């Protein structure tokens, strides 16, 4: 059974993996939604996909500029979480 922060995805080789959802993001400029995922055993290897909210179909990001934007969002997420953890100490 999947938890609320988990998603089952099918890999290109047919293997299915349970991925943890790190966070989601909506780009108003691109009119797209993104999900940032990682494997339970590998929190450092984050994957990002755009997705269709209606049917939850994941799409690989192939445009270099779009991928760079997603990387910037991920970096900002890490910075914000680092600042938050410092404030909580």
N, C-alpha and C. Protein backbone atom coordinates (compact mmCIF):
# COMPACT_ATOMS: atom_id res chain seq x y z
N UNK A 1 0.84 -1.18 0.00
CA UNK A 1 0.00 0.00 0.00
C UNK A 1 0.89 1.25 0.00
N UNK A 2 0.54 2.20 -0.85
CA UNK A 2 1.31 3.43 -0.94
C UNK A 2 0.87 4.43 0.11
N UNK A 3 1.83 5.17 0.64
CA UNK A 3 1.53 6.25 1.57
C UNK A 3 1.19 7.50 0.78
N UNK A 4 0.70 8.53 1.46
CA UNK A 4 0.31 9.77 0.79
C UNK A 4 1.46 10.45 0.05
N UNK A 5 2.68 10.24 0.53
CA UNK A 5 3.83 10.90 -0.10
C UNK A 5 4.60 9.96 -1.02
N UNK A 6 3.94 8.93 -1.53
CA UNK A 6 4.58 7.96 -2.41
C UNK A 6 3.84 7.86 -3.74
N UNK A 7 4.59 7.43 -4.75
CA UNK A 7 4.02 7.26 -6.09
C UNK A 7 4.69 6.03 -6.71
N UNK A 8 3.91 5.21 -7.38
CA UNK A 8 4.44 4.06 -8.08
C UNK A 8 4.66 4.46 -9.53
N UNK A 9 5.91 4.33 -10.00
CA UNK A 9 6.19 4.68 -11.40
C UNK A 9 6.77 3.47 -12.12
N UNK A 10 6.47 3.38 -13.41
CA UNK A 10 7.02 2.33 -14.26
C UNK A 10 8.22 2.89 -14.99
N UNK A 11 9.33 2.19 -14.89
CA UNK A 11 10.56 2.61 -15.56
C UNK A 11 10.52 2.13 -17.01
N UNK A 12 11.42 2.66 -17.82
CA UNK A 12 11.49 2.29 -19.24
C UNK A 12 11.71 0.79 -19.43
N UNK A 13 12.41 0.16 -18.48
CA UNK A 13 12.70 -1.27 -18.59
C UNK A 13 11.56 -2.15 -18.07
N UNK A 14 10.42 -1.53 -17.71
CA UNK A 14 9.26 -2.27 -17.23
C UNK A 14 9.22 -2.46 -15.72
N UNK A 15 10.32 -2.16 -15.05
CA UNK A 15 10.38 -2.28 -13.59
C UNK A 15 9.51 -1.19 -12.96
N UNK A 16 8.83 -1.54 -11.88
CA UNK A 16 8.05 -0.55 -11.13
C UNK A 16 8.78 -0.21 -9.85
N UNK A 17 8.79 1.08 -9.53
CA UNK A 17 9.47 1.55 -8.31
C UNK A 17 8.54 2.42 -7.50
N UNK A 18 8.63 2.26 -6.20
CA UNK A 18 7.92 3.15 -5.29
C UNK A 18 8.84 4.34 -5.03
N UNK A 19 8.36 5.53 -5.39
CA UNK A 19 9.14 6.74 -5.22
C UNK A 19 8.49 7.62 -4.16
N UNK A 20 9.30 8.33 -3.42
CA UNK A 20 8.81 9.29 -2.44
C UNK A 20 8.67 10.64 -3.13
N UNK A 21 7.61 11.35 -2.83
CA UNK A 21 7.40 12.68 -3.38
C UNK A 21 8.08 13.69 -2.48
N UNK A 22 9.07 14.39 -3.02
CA UNK A 22 9.77 15.43 -2.26
C UNK A 22 8.89 16.67 -2.19
N UNK A 23 8.41 17.14 -3.35
CA UNK A 23 7.47 18.24 -3.41
C UNK A 23 6.97 18.38 -4.84
N UNK A 24 5.93 19.18 -5.00
CA UNK A 24 5.40 19.50 -6.32
C UNK A 24 5.53 21.00 -6.53
N UNK A 25 5.51 21.39 -7.79
CA UNK A 25 5.71 22.79 -8.16
C UNK A 25 4.89 23.09 -9.41
N UNK A 26 4.30 24.26 -9.45
CA UNK A 26 3.56 24.68 -10.63
C UNK A 26 4.22 25.92 -11.23
N UNK A 27 4.53 25.84 -12.51
CA UNK A 27 5.10 26.97 -13.23
C UNK A 27 3.98 27.68 -13.97
N UNK A 28 3.64 28.87 -13.50
CA UNK A 28 2.59 29.63 -14.17
C UNK A 28 3.03 30.06 -15.57
N UNK A 29 4.32 30.37 -15.72
CA UNK A 29 4.83 30.81 -17.02
C UNK A 29 4.73 29.69 -18.06
N UNK A 30 5.03 28.48 -17.65
CA UNK A 30 4.98 27.34 -18.58
C UNK A 30 3.62 26.64 -18.59
N UNK A 31 2.79 27.00 -17.62
CA UNK A 31 1.48 26.35 -17.46
C UNK A 31 1.64 24.84 -17.33
N UNK A 32 2.61 24.45 -16.47
CA UNK A 32 2.90 23.04 -16.23
C UNK A 32 3.07 22.81 -14.74
N UNK A 33 2.87 21.55 -14.37
CA UNK A 33 3.10 21.13 -13.00
C UNK A 33 4.24 20.12 -12.99
N UNK A 34 5.00 20.13 -11.91
CA UNK A 34 6.17 19.27 -11.78
C UNK A 34 6.12 18.53 -10.46
N UNK A 35 6.68 17.33 -10.47
CA UNK A 35 6.83 16.56 -9.24
C UNK A 35 8.29 16.15 -9.13
N UNK A 36 8.84 16.31 -7.93
CA UNK A 36 10.22 15.95 -7.63
C UNK A 36 10.18 14.69 -6.77
N UNK A 37 10.81 13.62 -7.27
CA UNK A 37 10.73 12.30 -6.64
C UNK A 37 12.12 11.77 -6.31
N UNK A 38 12.16 10.87 -5.32
CA UNK A 38 13.41 10.16 -5.02
C UNK A 38 13.07 8.76 -4.51
N UNK A 39 14.04 7.85 -4.65
CA UNK A 39 13.85 6.51 -4.12
C UNK A 39 14.06 6.54 -2.62
N UNK A 40 13.32 5.70 -1.92
CA UNK A 40 13.42 5.66 -0.45
C UNK A 40 14.86 5.51 0.03
N UNK A 41 15.63 4.69 -0.68
CA UNK A 41 17.00 4.39 -0.26
C UNK A 41 18.03 5.36 -0.83
N UNK A 42 17.59 6.34 -1.61
CA UNK A 42 18.53 7.24 -2.28
C UNK A 42 17.95 8.66 -2.32
N UNK A 43 17.98 9.34 -1.19
CA UNK A 43 17.39 10.68 -1.09
C UNK A 43 18.16 11.73 -1.88
N UNK A 44 19.40 11.44 -2.24
CA UNK A 44 20.21 12.43 -2.95
C UNK A 44 19.96 12.43 -4.45
N UNK A 45 19.40 11.37 -4.99
CA UNK A 45 19.15 11.26 -6.42
C UNK A 45 17.70 11.64 -6.70
N UNK A 46 17.47 12.92 -6.93
CA UNK A 46 16.12 13.43 -7.14
C UNK A 46 15.83 13.48 -8.64
N UNK A 47 14.66 12.99 -9.02
CA UNK A 47 14.21 13.05 -10.40
C UNK A 47 13.05 14.02 -10.49
N UNK A 48 12.94 14.71 -11.60
CA UNK A 48 11.83 15.65 -11.79
C UNK A 48 11.11 15.31 -13.09
N UNK A 49 9.80 15.37 -13.01
CA UNK A 49 8.95 15.13 -14.17
C UNK A 49 7.88 16.21 -14.21
N UNK A 50 7.44 16.54 -15.41
CA UNK A 50 6.22 17.33 -15.50
C UNK A 50 5.10 16.31 -15.48
N UNK A 51 3.91 16.75 -15.09
CA UNK A 51 2.81 15.80 -15.04
C UNK A 51 1.50 16.47 -15.39
N UNK A 52 0.59 15.64 -15.82
CA UNK A 52 -0.76 16.06 -16.15
C UNK A 52 -1.63 15.75 -14.95
N UNK A 53 -2.19 16.77 -14.35
CA UNK A 53 -2.98 16.59 -13.13
C UNK A 53 -4.23 15.74 -13.36
N UNK A 54 -4.78 15.79 -14.57
CA UNK A 54 -6.01 15.05 -14.84
C UNK A 54 -5.83 13.55 -14.79
N UNK A 55 -4.72 13.06 -15.34
CA UNK A 55 -4.51 11.61 -15.36
C UNK A 55 -3.20 11.17 -14.70
N UNK A 56 -2.48 12.11 -14.11
CA UNK A 56 -1.20 11.87 -13.43
C UNK A 56 -0.16 11.18 -14.30
N UNK A 57 -0.18 11.47 -15.59
CA UNK A 57 0.84 10.95 -16.49
C UNK A 57 2.12 11.76 -16.31
N UNK A 58 3.24 11.05 -16.09
CA UNK A 58 4.52 11.71 -15.93
C UNK A 58 5.19 11.87 -17.29
N UNK A 59 5.88 13.01 -17.46
CA UNK A 59 6.57 13.29 -18.71
C UNK A 59 8.01 13.71 -18.39
N UNK A 60 8.96 13.10 -19.08
CA UNK A 60 10.35 13.50 -18.90
C UNK A 60 10.54 14.90 -19.45
N UNK A 61 11.41 15.65 -18.80
CA UNK A 61 11.72 17.00 -19.27
C UNK A 61 12.85 16.88 -20.29
N UNK A 62 12.58 17.29 -21.49
CA UNK A 62 13.58 17.17 -22.56
C UNK A 62 14.16 18.52 -22.97
N UNK A 63 13.46 19.61 -22.68
CA UNK A 63 13.94 20.95 -23.01
C UNK A 63 14.97 21.40 -21.99
N UNK A 64 16.14 21.81 -22.46
CA UNK A 64 17.24 22.19 -21.57
C UNK A 64 16.88 23.37 -20.67
N UNK A 65 16.23 24.38 -21.21
CA UNK A 65 15.85 25.54 -20.41
C UNK A 65 14.83 25.16 -19.33
N UNK A 66 13.91 24.30 -19.68
CA UNK A 66 12.90 23.84 -18.72
C UNK A 66 13.58 23.04 -17.61
N UNK A 67 14.56 22.21 -17.98
CA UNK A 67 15.29 21.42 -16.98
C UNK A 67 16.09 22.33 -16.05
N UNK A 68 16.72 23.36 -16.60
CA UNK A 68 17.48 24.31 -15.77
C UNK A 68 16.56 25.01 -14.77
N UNK A 69 15.37 25.37 -15.23
CA UNK A 69 14.40 26.00 -14.34
C UNK A 69 14.03 25.05 -13.20
N UNK A 70 13.82 23.79 -13.52
CA UNK A 70 13.49 22.80 -12.50
C UNK A 70 14.63 22.64 -11.50
N UNK A 71 15.88 22.66 -11.99
CA UNK A 71 17.04 22.59 -11.10
C UNK A 71 17.09 23.78 -10.16
N UNK A 72 16.78 24.97 -10.67
CA UNK A 72 16.77 26.17 -9.84
C UNK A 72 15.70 26.06 -8.75
N UNK A 73 14.55 25.53 -9.10
CA UNK A 73 13.48 25.34 -8.12
C UNK A 73 13.93 24.36 -7.04
N UNK A 74 14.56 23.26 -7.44
CA UNK A 74 15.06 22.27 -6.48
C UNK A 74 16.11 22.89 -5.57
N UNK A 75 17.04 23.65 -6.13
CA UNK A 75 18.07 24.31 -5.30
C UNK A 75 17.44 25.28 -4.31
N UNK A 76 16.45 26.04 -4.75
CA UNK A 76 15.76 26.98 -3.86
C UNK A 76 15.04 26.21 -2.74
N UNK A 77 14.47 25.07 -3.07
CA UNK A 77 13.81 24.23 -2.07
C UNK A 77 14.81 23.80 -0.99
N UNK A 78 16.00 23.35 -1.42
CA UNK A 78 17.02 22.92 -0.46
C UNK A 78 17.50 24.08 0.40
N UNK A 79 17.69 25.25 -0.20
CA UNK A 79 18.14 26.43 0.56
C UNK A 79 17.07 26.80 1.60
N UNK A 80 15.81 26.84 1.19
CA UNK A 80 14.73 27.18 2.10
C UNK A 80 14.65 26.19 3.26
N UNK A 81 14.80 24.90 2.96
CA UNK A 81 14.75 23.89 4.03
C UNK A 81 15.94 24.00 4.96
N UNK A 82 17.10 24.35 4.42
CA UNK A 82 18.29 24.53 5.25
C UNK A 82 18.11 25.72 6.18
N UNK A 83 17.59 26.82 5.67
CA UNK A 83 17.32 28.00 6.49
C UNK A 83 16.29 27.67 7.57
N UNK A 84 15.25 26.94 7.20
CA UNK A 84 14.21 26.57 8.16
C UNK A 84 14.79 25.70 9.27
N UNK A 85 15.65 24.74 8.93
CA UNK A 85 16.21 23.87 9.96
C UNK A 85 17.14 24.66 10.89
N UNK A 86 17.83 25.66 10.38
CA UNK A 86 18.68 26.52 11.22
C UNK A 86 17.82 27.33 12.18
N UNK A 87 16.70 27.85 11.70
CA UNK A 87 15.80 28.64 12.54
C UNK A 87 15.20 27.80 13.66
N UNK A 88 14.99 26.52 13.39
CA UNK A 88 14.37 25.63 14.38
C UNK A 88 15.32 25.22 15.47
N UNK A 89 16.63 25.41 15.27
CA UNK A 89 17.62 25.00 16.28
C UNK A 89 17.69 25.94 17.43
